Amino acid sequence: MLNLKYILQIFETISGLRVNLQKSSLVGIKVDKQETIRFANLLGCKVEKLPLKYLGFPLGGQPRSVAFWNPTVERIQKKLAC
């Protein structure tokens, strides 16, 4: 995780862009919850769990379920109606 933090710092230096870790999240998959929390504290970001939204779209969960897609489809329909 420290190497990942260093890579992000190098990216910031080279690109001139800033990585905002306070707005970033860490999701542990098949990792102990305490370990995920420790890594998030090391990086300075928050911990989230699946399902979550990424760019407004659902990530994780049951994609074959109608309930999974309903909020997203309704939002897109509203935007297209305008």
C-alpha atoms as a PDB file:
ATOM      1  CA  MET A   1       0.000   0.000   0.000  1.00  0.00           C
ATOM      2  CA  LEU A   2       2.899   2.322   0.637  1.00  0.00           C
ATOM      3  CA  ASN A   3       4.135   1.606  -2.880  1.00  0.00           C
ATOM      4  CA  LEU A   4       0.683   2.498  -4.223  1.00  0.00           C
ATOM      5  CA  LYS A   5       0.802   5.771  -2.291  1.00  0.00           C
ATOM      6  CA  TYR A   6       4.250   6.518  -3.758  1.00  0.00           C
ATOM      7  CA  ILE A   7       2.997   5.749  -7.273  1.00  0.00           C
ATOM      8  CA  LEU A   8       0.109   8.187  -6.800  1.00  0.00           C
ATOM      9  CA  GLN A   9       2.538  10.861  -5.573  1.00  0.00           C
ATOM     10  CA  ILE A  10       4.770  10.294  -8.611  1.00  0.00           C
ATOM     11  CA  PHE A  11       1.697  10.538 -10.863  1.00  0.00           C
ATOM     12  CA  GLU A  12       0.839  13.893  -9.258  1.00  0.00           C
ATOM     13  CA  THR A  13       4.360  15.190  -9.803  1.00  0.00           C
ATOM     14  CA  ILE A  14       4.630  14.061 -13.418  1.00  0.00           C
ATOM     15  CA  SER A  15       1.111  14.990 -14.556  1.00  0.00           C
ATOM     16  CA  GLY A  16       0.545  18.141 -12.530  1.00  0.00           C
ATOM     17  CA  LEU A  17      -2.826  16.708 -11.472  1.00  0.00           C
ATOM     18  CA  ARG A  18      -3.809  16.141  -7.866  1.00  0.00           C
ATOM     19  CA  VAL A  19      -5.196  12.895  -6.449  1.00  0.00           C
ATOM     20  CA  ASN A  20      -7.739  13.777  -3.747  1.00  0.00           C
ATOM     21  CA  LEU A  21      -7.573  10.838  -1.362  1.00  0.00           C
ATOM     22  CA  GLN A  22     -10.208  12.381   0.935  1.00  0.00           C
ATOM     23  CA  LYS A  23     -12.719  11.833  -1.894  1.00  0.00           C
ATOM     24  CA  SER A  24     -11.353   8.381  -2.681  1.00  0.00           C
ATOM     25  CA  SER A  25     -12.587   5.050  -1.344  1.00  0.00           C
ATOM     26  CA  LEU A  26     -11.038   1.655  -0.755  1.00  0.00           C
ATOM     27  CA  VAL A  27     -13.128  -1.477  -1.226  1.00  0.00           C
ATOM     28  CA  GLY A  28     -11.763  -4.724   0.168  1.00  0.00           C
ATOM     29  CA  ILE A  29     -12.716  -7.859  -1.758  1.00  0.00           C
ATOM     30  CA  LYS A  30     -11.993 -11.100   0.089  1.00  0.00           C
ATOM     31  CA  VAL A  31      -9.884  -9.109   2.567  1.00  0.00           C
ATOM     32  CA  ASP A  32     -10.394  -8.893   6.317  1.00  0.00           C
ATOM     33  CA  LYS A  33     -12.348  -5.761   7.313  1.00  0.00           C
ATOM     34  CA  GLN A  34      -9.641  -4.675   9.777  1.00  0.00           C
ATOM     35  CA  GLU A  35      -6.990  -5.014   7.077  1.00  0.00           C
ATOM     36  CA  THR A  36      -9.067  -2.866   4.704  1.00  0.00           C
ATOM     37  CA  ILE A  37      -9.468  -0.209   7.396  1.00  0.00           C
ATOM     38  CA  ARG A  38      -5.725  -0.258   8.082  1.00  0.00           C
ATOM     39  CA  PHE A  39      -4.912   0.191   4.383  1.00  0.00           C
ATOM     40  CA  ALA A  40      -7.455   3.009   4.044  1.00  0.00           C
ATOM     41  CA  ASN A  41      -5.922   4.806   7.023  1.00  0.00           C
ATOM     42  CA  LEU A  42      -2.478   4.386   5.489  1.00  0.00           C
ATOM     43  CA  LEU A  43      -3.652   5.946   2.221  1.00  0.00           C
ATOM     44  CA  GLY A  44      -5.843   8.561   3.893  1.00  0.00           C
ATOM     45  CA  CYS A  45      -9.089   7.512   2.221  1.00  0.00           C
ATOM     46  CA  LYS A  46     -12.407   6.067   3.372  1.00  0.00           C
ATOM     47  CA  VAL A  47     -13.639   2.476   3.346  1.00  0.00           C
ATOM     48  CA  GLU A  48     -16.710   1.459   1.346  1.00  0.00           C
ATOM     49  CA  LYS A  49     -18.348  -1.851   0.596  1.00  0.00           C
ATOM     50  CA  LEU A  50     -20.125  -3.217  -2.431  1.00  0.00           C
ATOM     51  CA  PRO A  51     -22.591  -2.396  -3.873  1.00  0.00           C
ATOM     52  CA  LEU A  52     -21.673   1.252  -4.413  1.00  0.00           C
ATOM     53  CA  LYS A  53     -22.094   3.877  -7.107  1.00  0.00           C
ATOM     54  CA  TYR A  54     -19.262   4.840  -9.451  1.00  0.00           C
ATOM     55  CA  LEU A  55     -19.880   7.831 -11.733  1.00  0.00           C
ATOM     56  CA  GLY A  56     -23.552   7.509 -10.833  1.00  0.00           C
ATOM     57  CA  PHE A  57     -23.854   3.890 -11.927  1.00  0.00           C
ATOM     58  CA  PRO A  58     -24.172   0.869  -9.634  1.00  0.00           C
ATOM     59  CA  LEU A  59     -21.080  -1.241  -9.070  1.00  0.00           C
ATOM     60  CA  GLY A  60     -21.376  -4.645  -7.444  1.00  0.00           C
ATOM     61  CA  GLY A  61     -24.634  -6.210  -6.328  1.00  0.00           C
ATOM     62  CA  GLN A  62     -26.881  -8.409  -8.470  1.00  0.00           C
ATOM     63  CA  PRO A  63     -26.868  -7.052 -12.054  1.00  0.00           C
ATOM     64  CA  ARG A  64     -29.464  -9.635 -13.149  1.00  0.00           C
ATOM     65  CA  SER A  65     -31.976  -8.196 -10.693  1.00  0.00           C
ATOM     66  CA  VAL A  66     -34.470  -5.605 -11.985  1.00  0.00           C
ATOM     67  CA  ALA A  67     -34.215  -3.681  -8.705  1.00  0.00           C
ATOM     68  CA  PHE A  68     -30.483  -3.241  -9.327  1.00  0.00           C
ATOM     69  CA  TRP A  69     -31.084  -1.254 -12.553  1.00  0.00           C
ATOM     70  CA  ASN A  70     -34.374   0.557 -11.818  1.00  0.00           C
ATOM     71  CA  PRO A  71     -32.919   3.735 -10.219  1.00  0.00           C
ATOM     72  CA  THR A  72     -30.320   4.082 -12.994  1.00  0.00           C
ATOM     73  CA  VAL A  73     -32.799   3.486 -15.823  1.00  0.00           C
ATOM     74  CA  GLU A  74     -35.289   5.966 -14.297  1.00  0.00           C
ATOM     75  CA  ARG A  75     -32.582   8.628 -14.004  1.00  0.00           C
ATOM     76  CA  ILE A  76     -31.517   8.154 -17.633  1.00  0.00           C
ATOM     77  CA  GLN A  77     -35.143   8.299 -18.787  1.00  0.00           C
ATOM     78  CA  LYS A  78     -35.624  11.621 -16.962  1.00  0.00           C
ATOM     79  CA  LYS A  79     -32.526  13.085 -18.620  1.00  0.00           C
ATOM     80  CA  LEU A  80     -33.617  11.923 -22.065  1.00  0.00           C
ATOM     81  CA  ALA A  81     -37.125  13.354 -21.547  1.00  0.00           C
ATOM     82  CA  CYS A  82     -35.658  16.866 -21.247  1.00  0.00           C
END
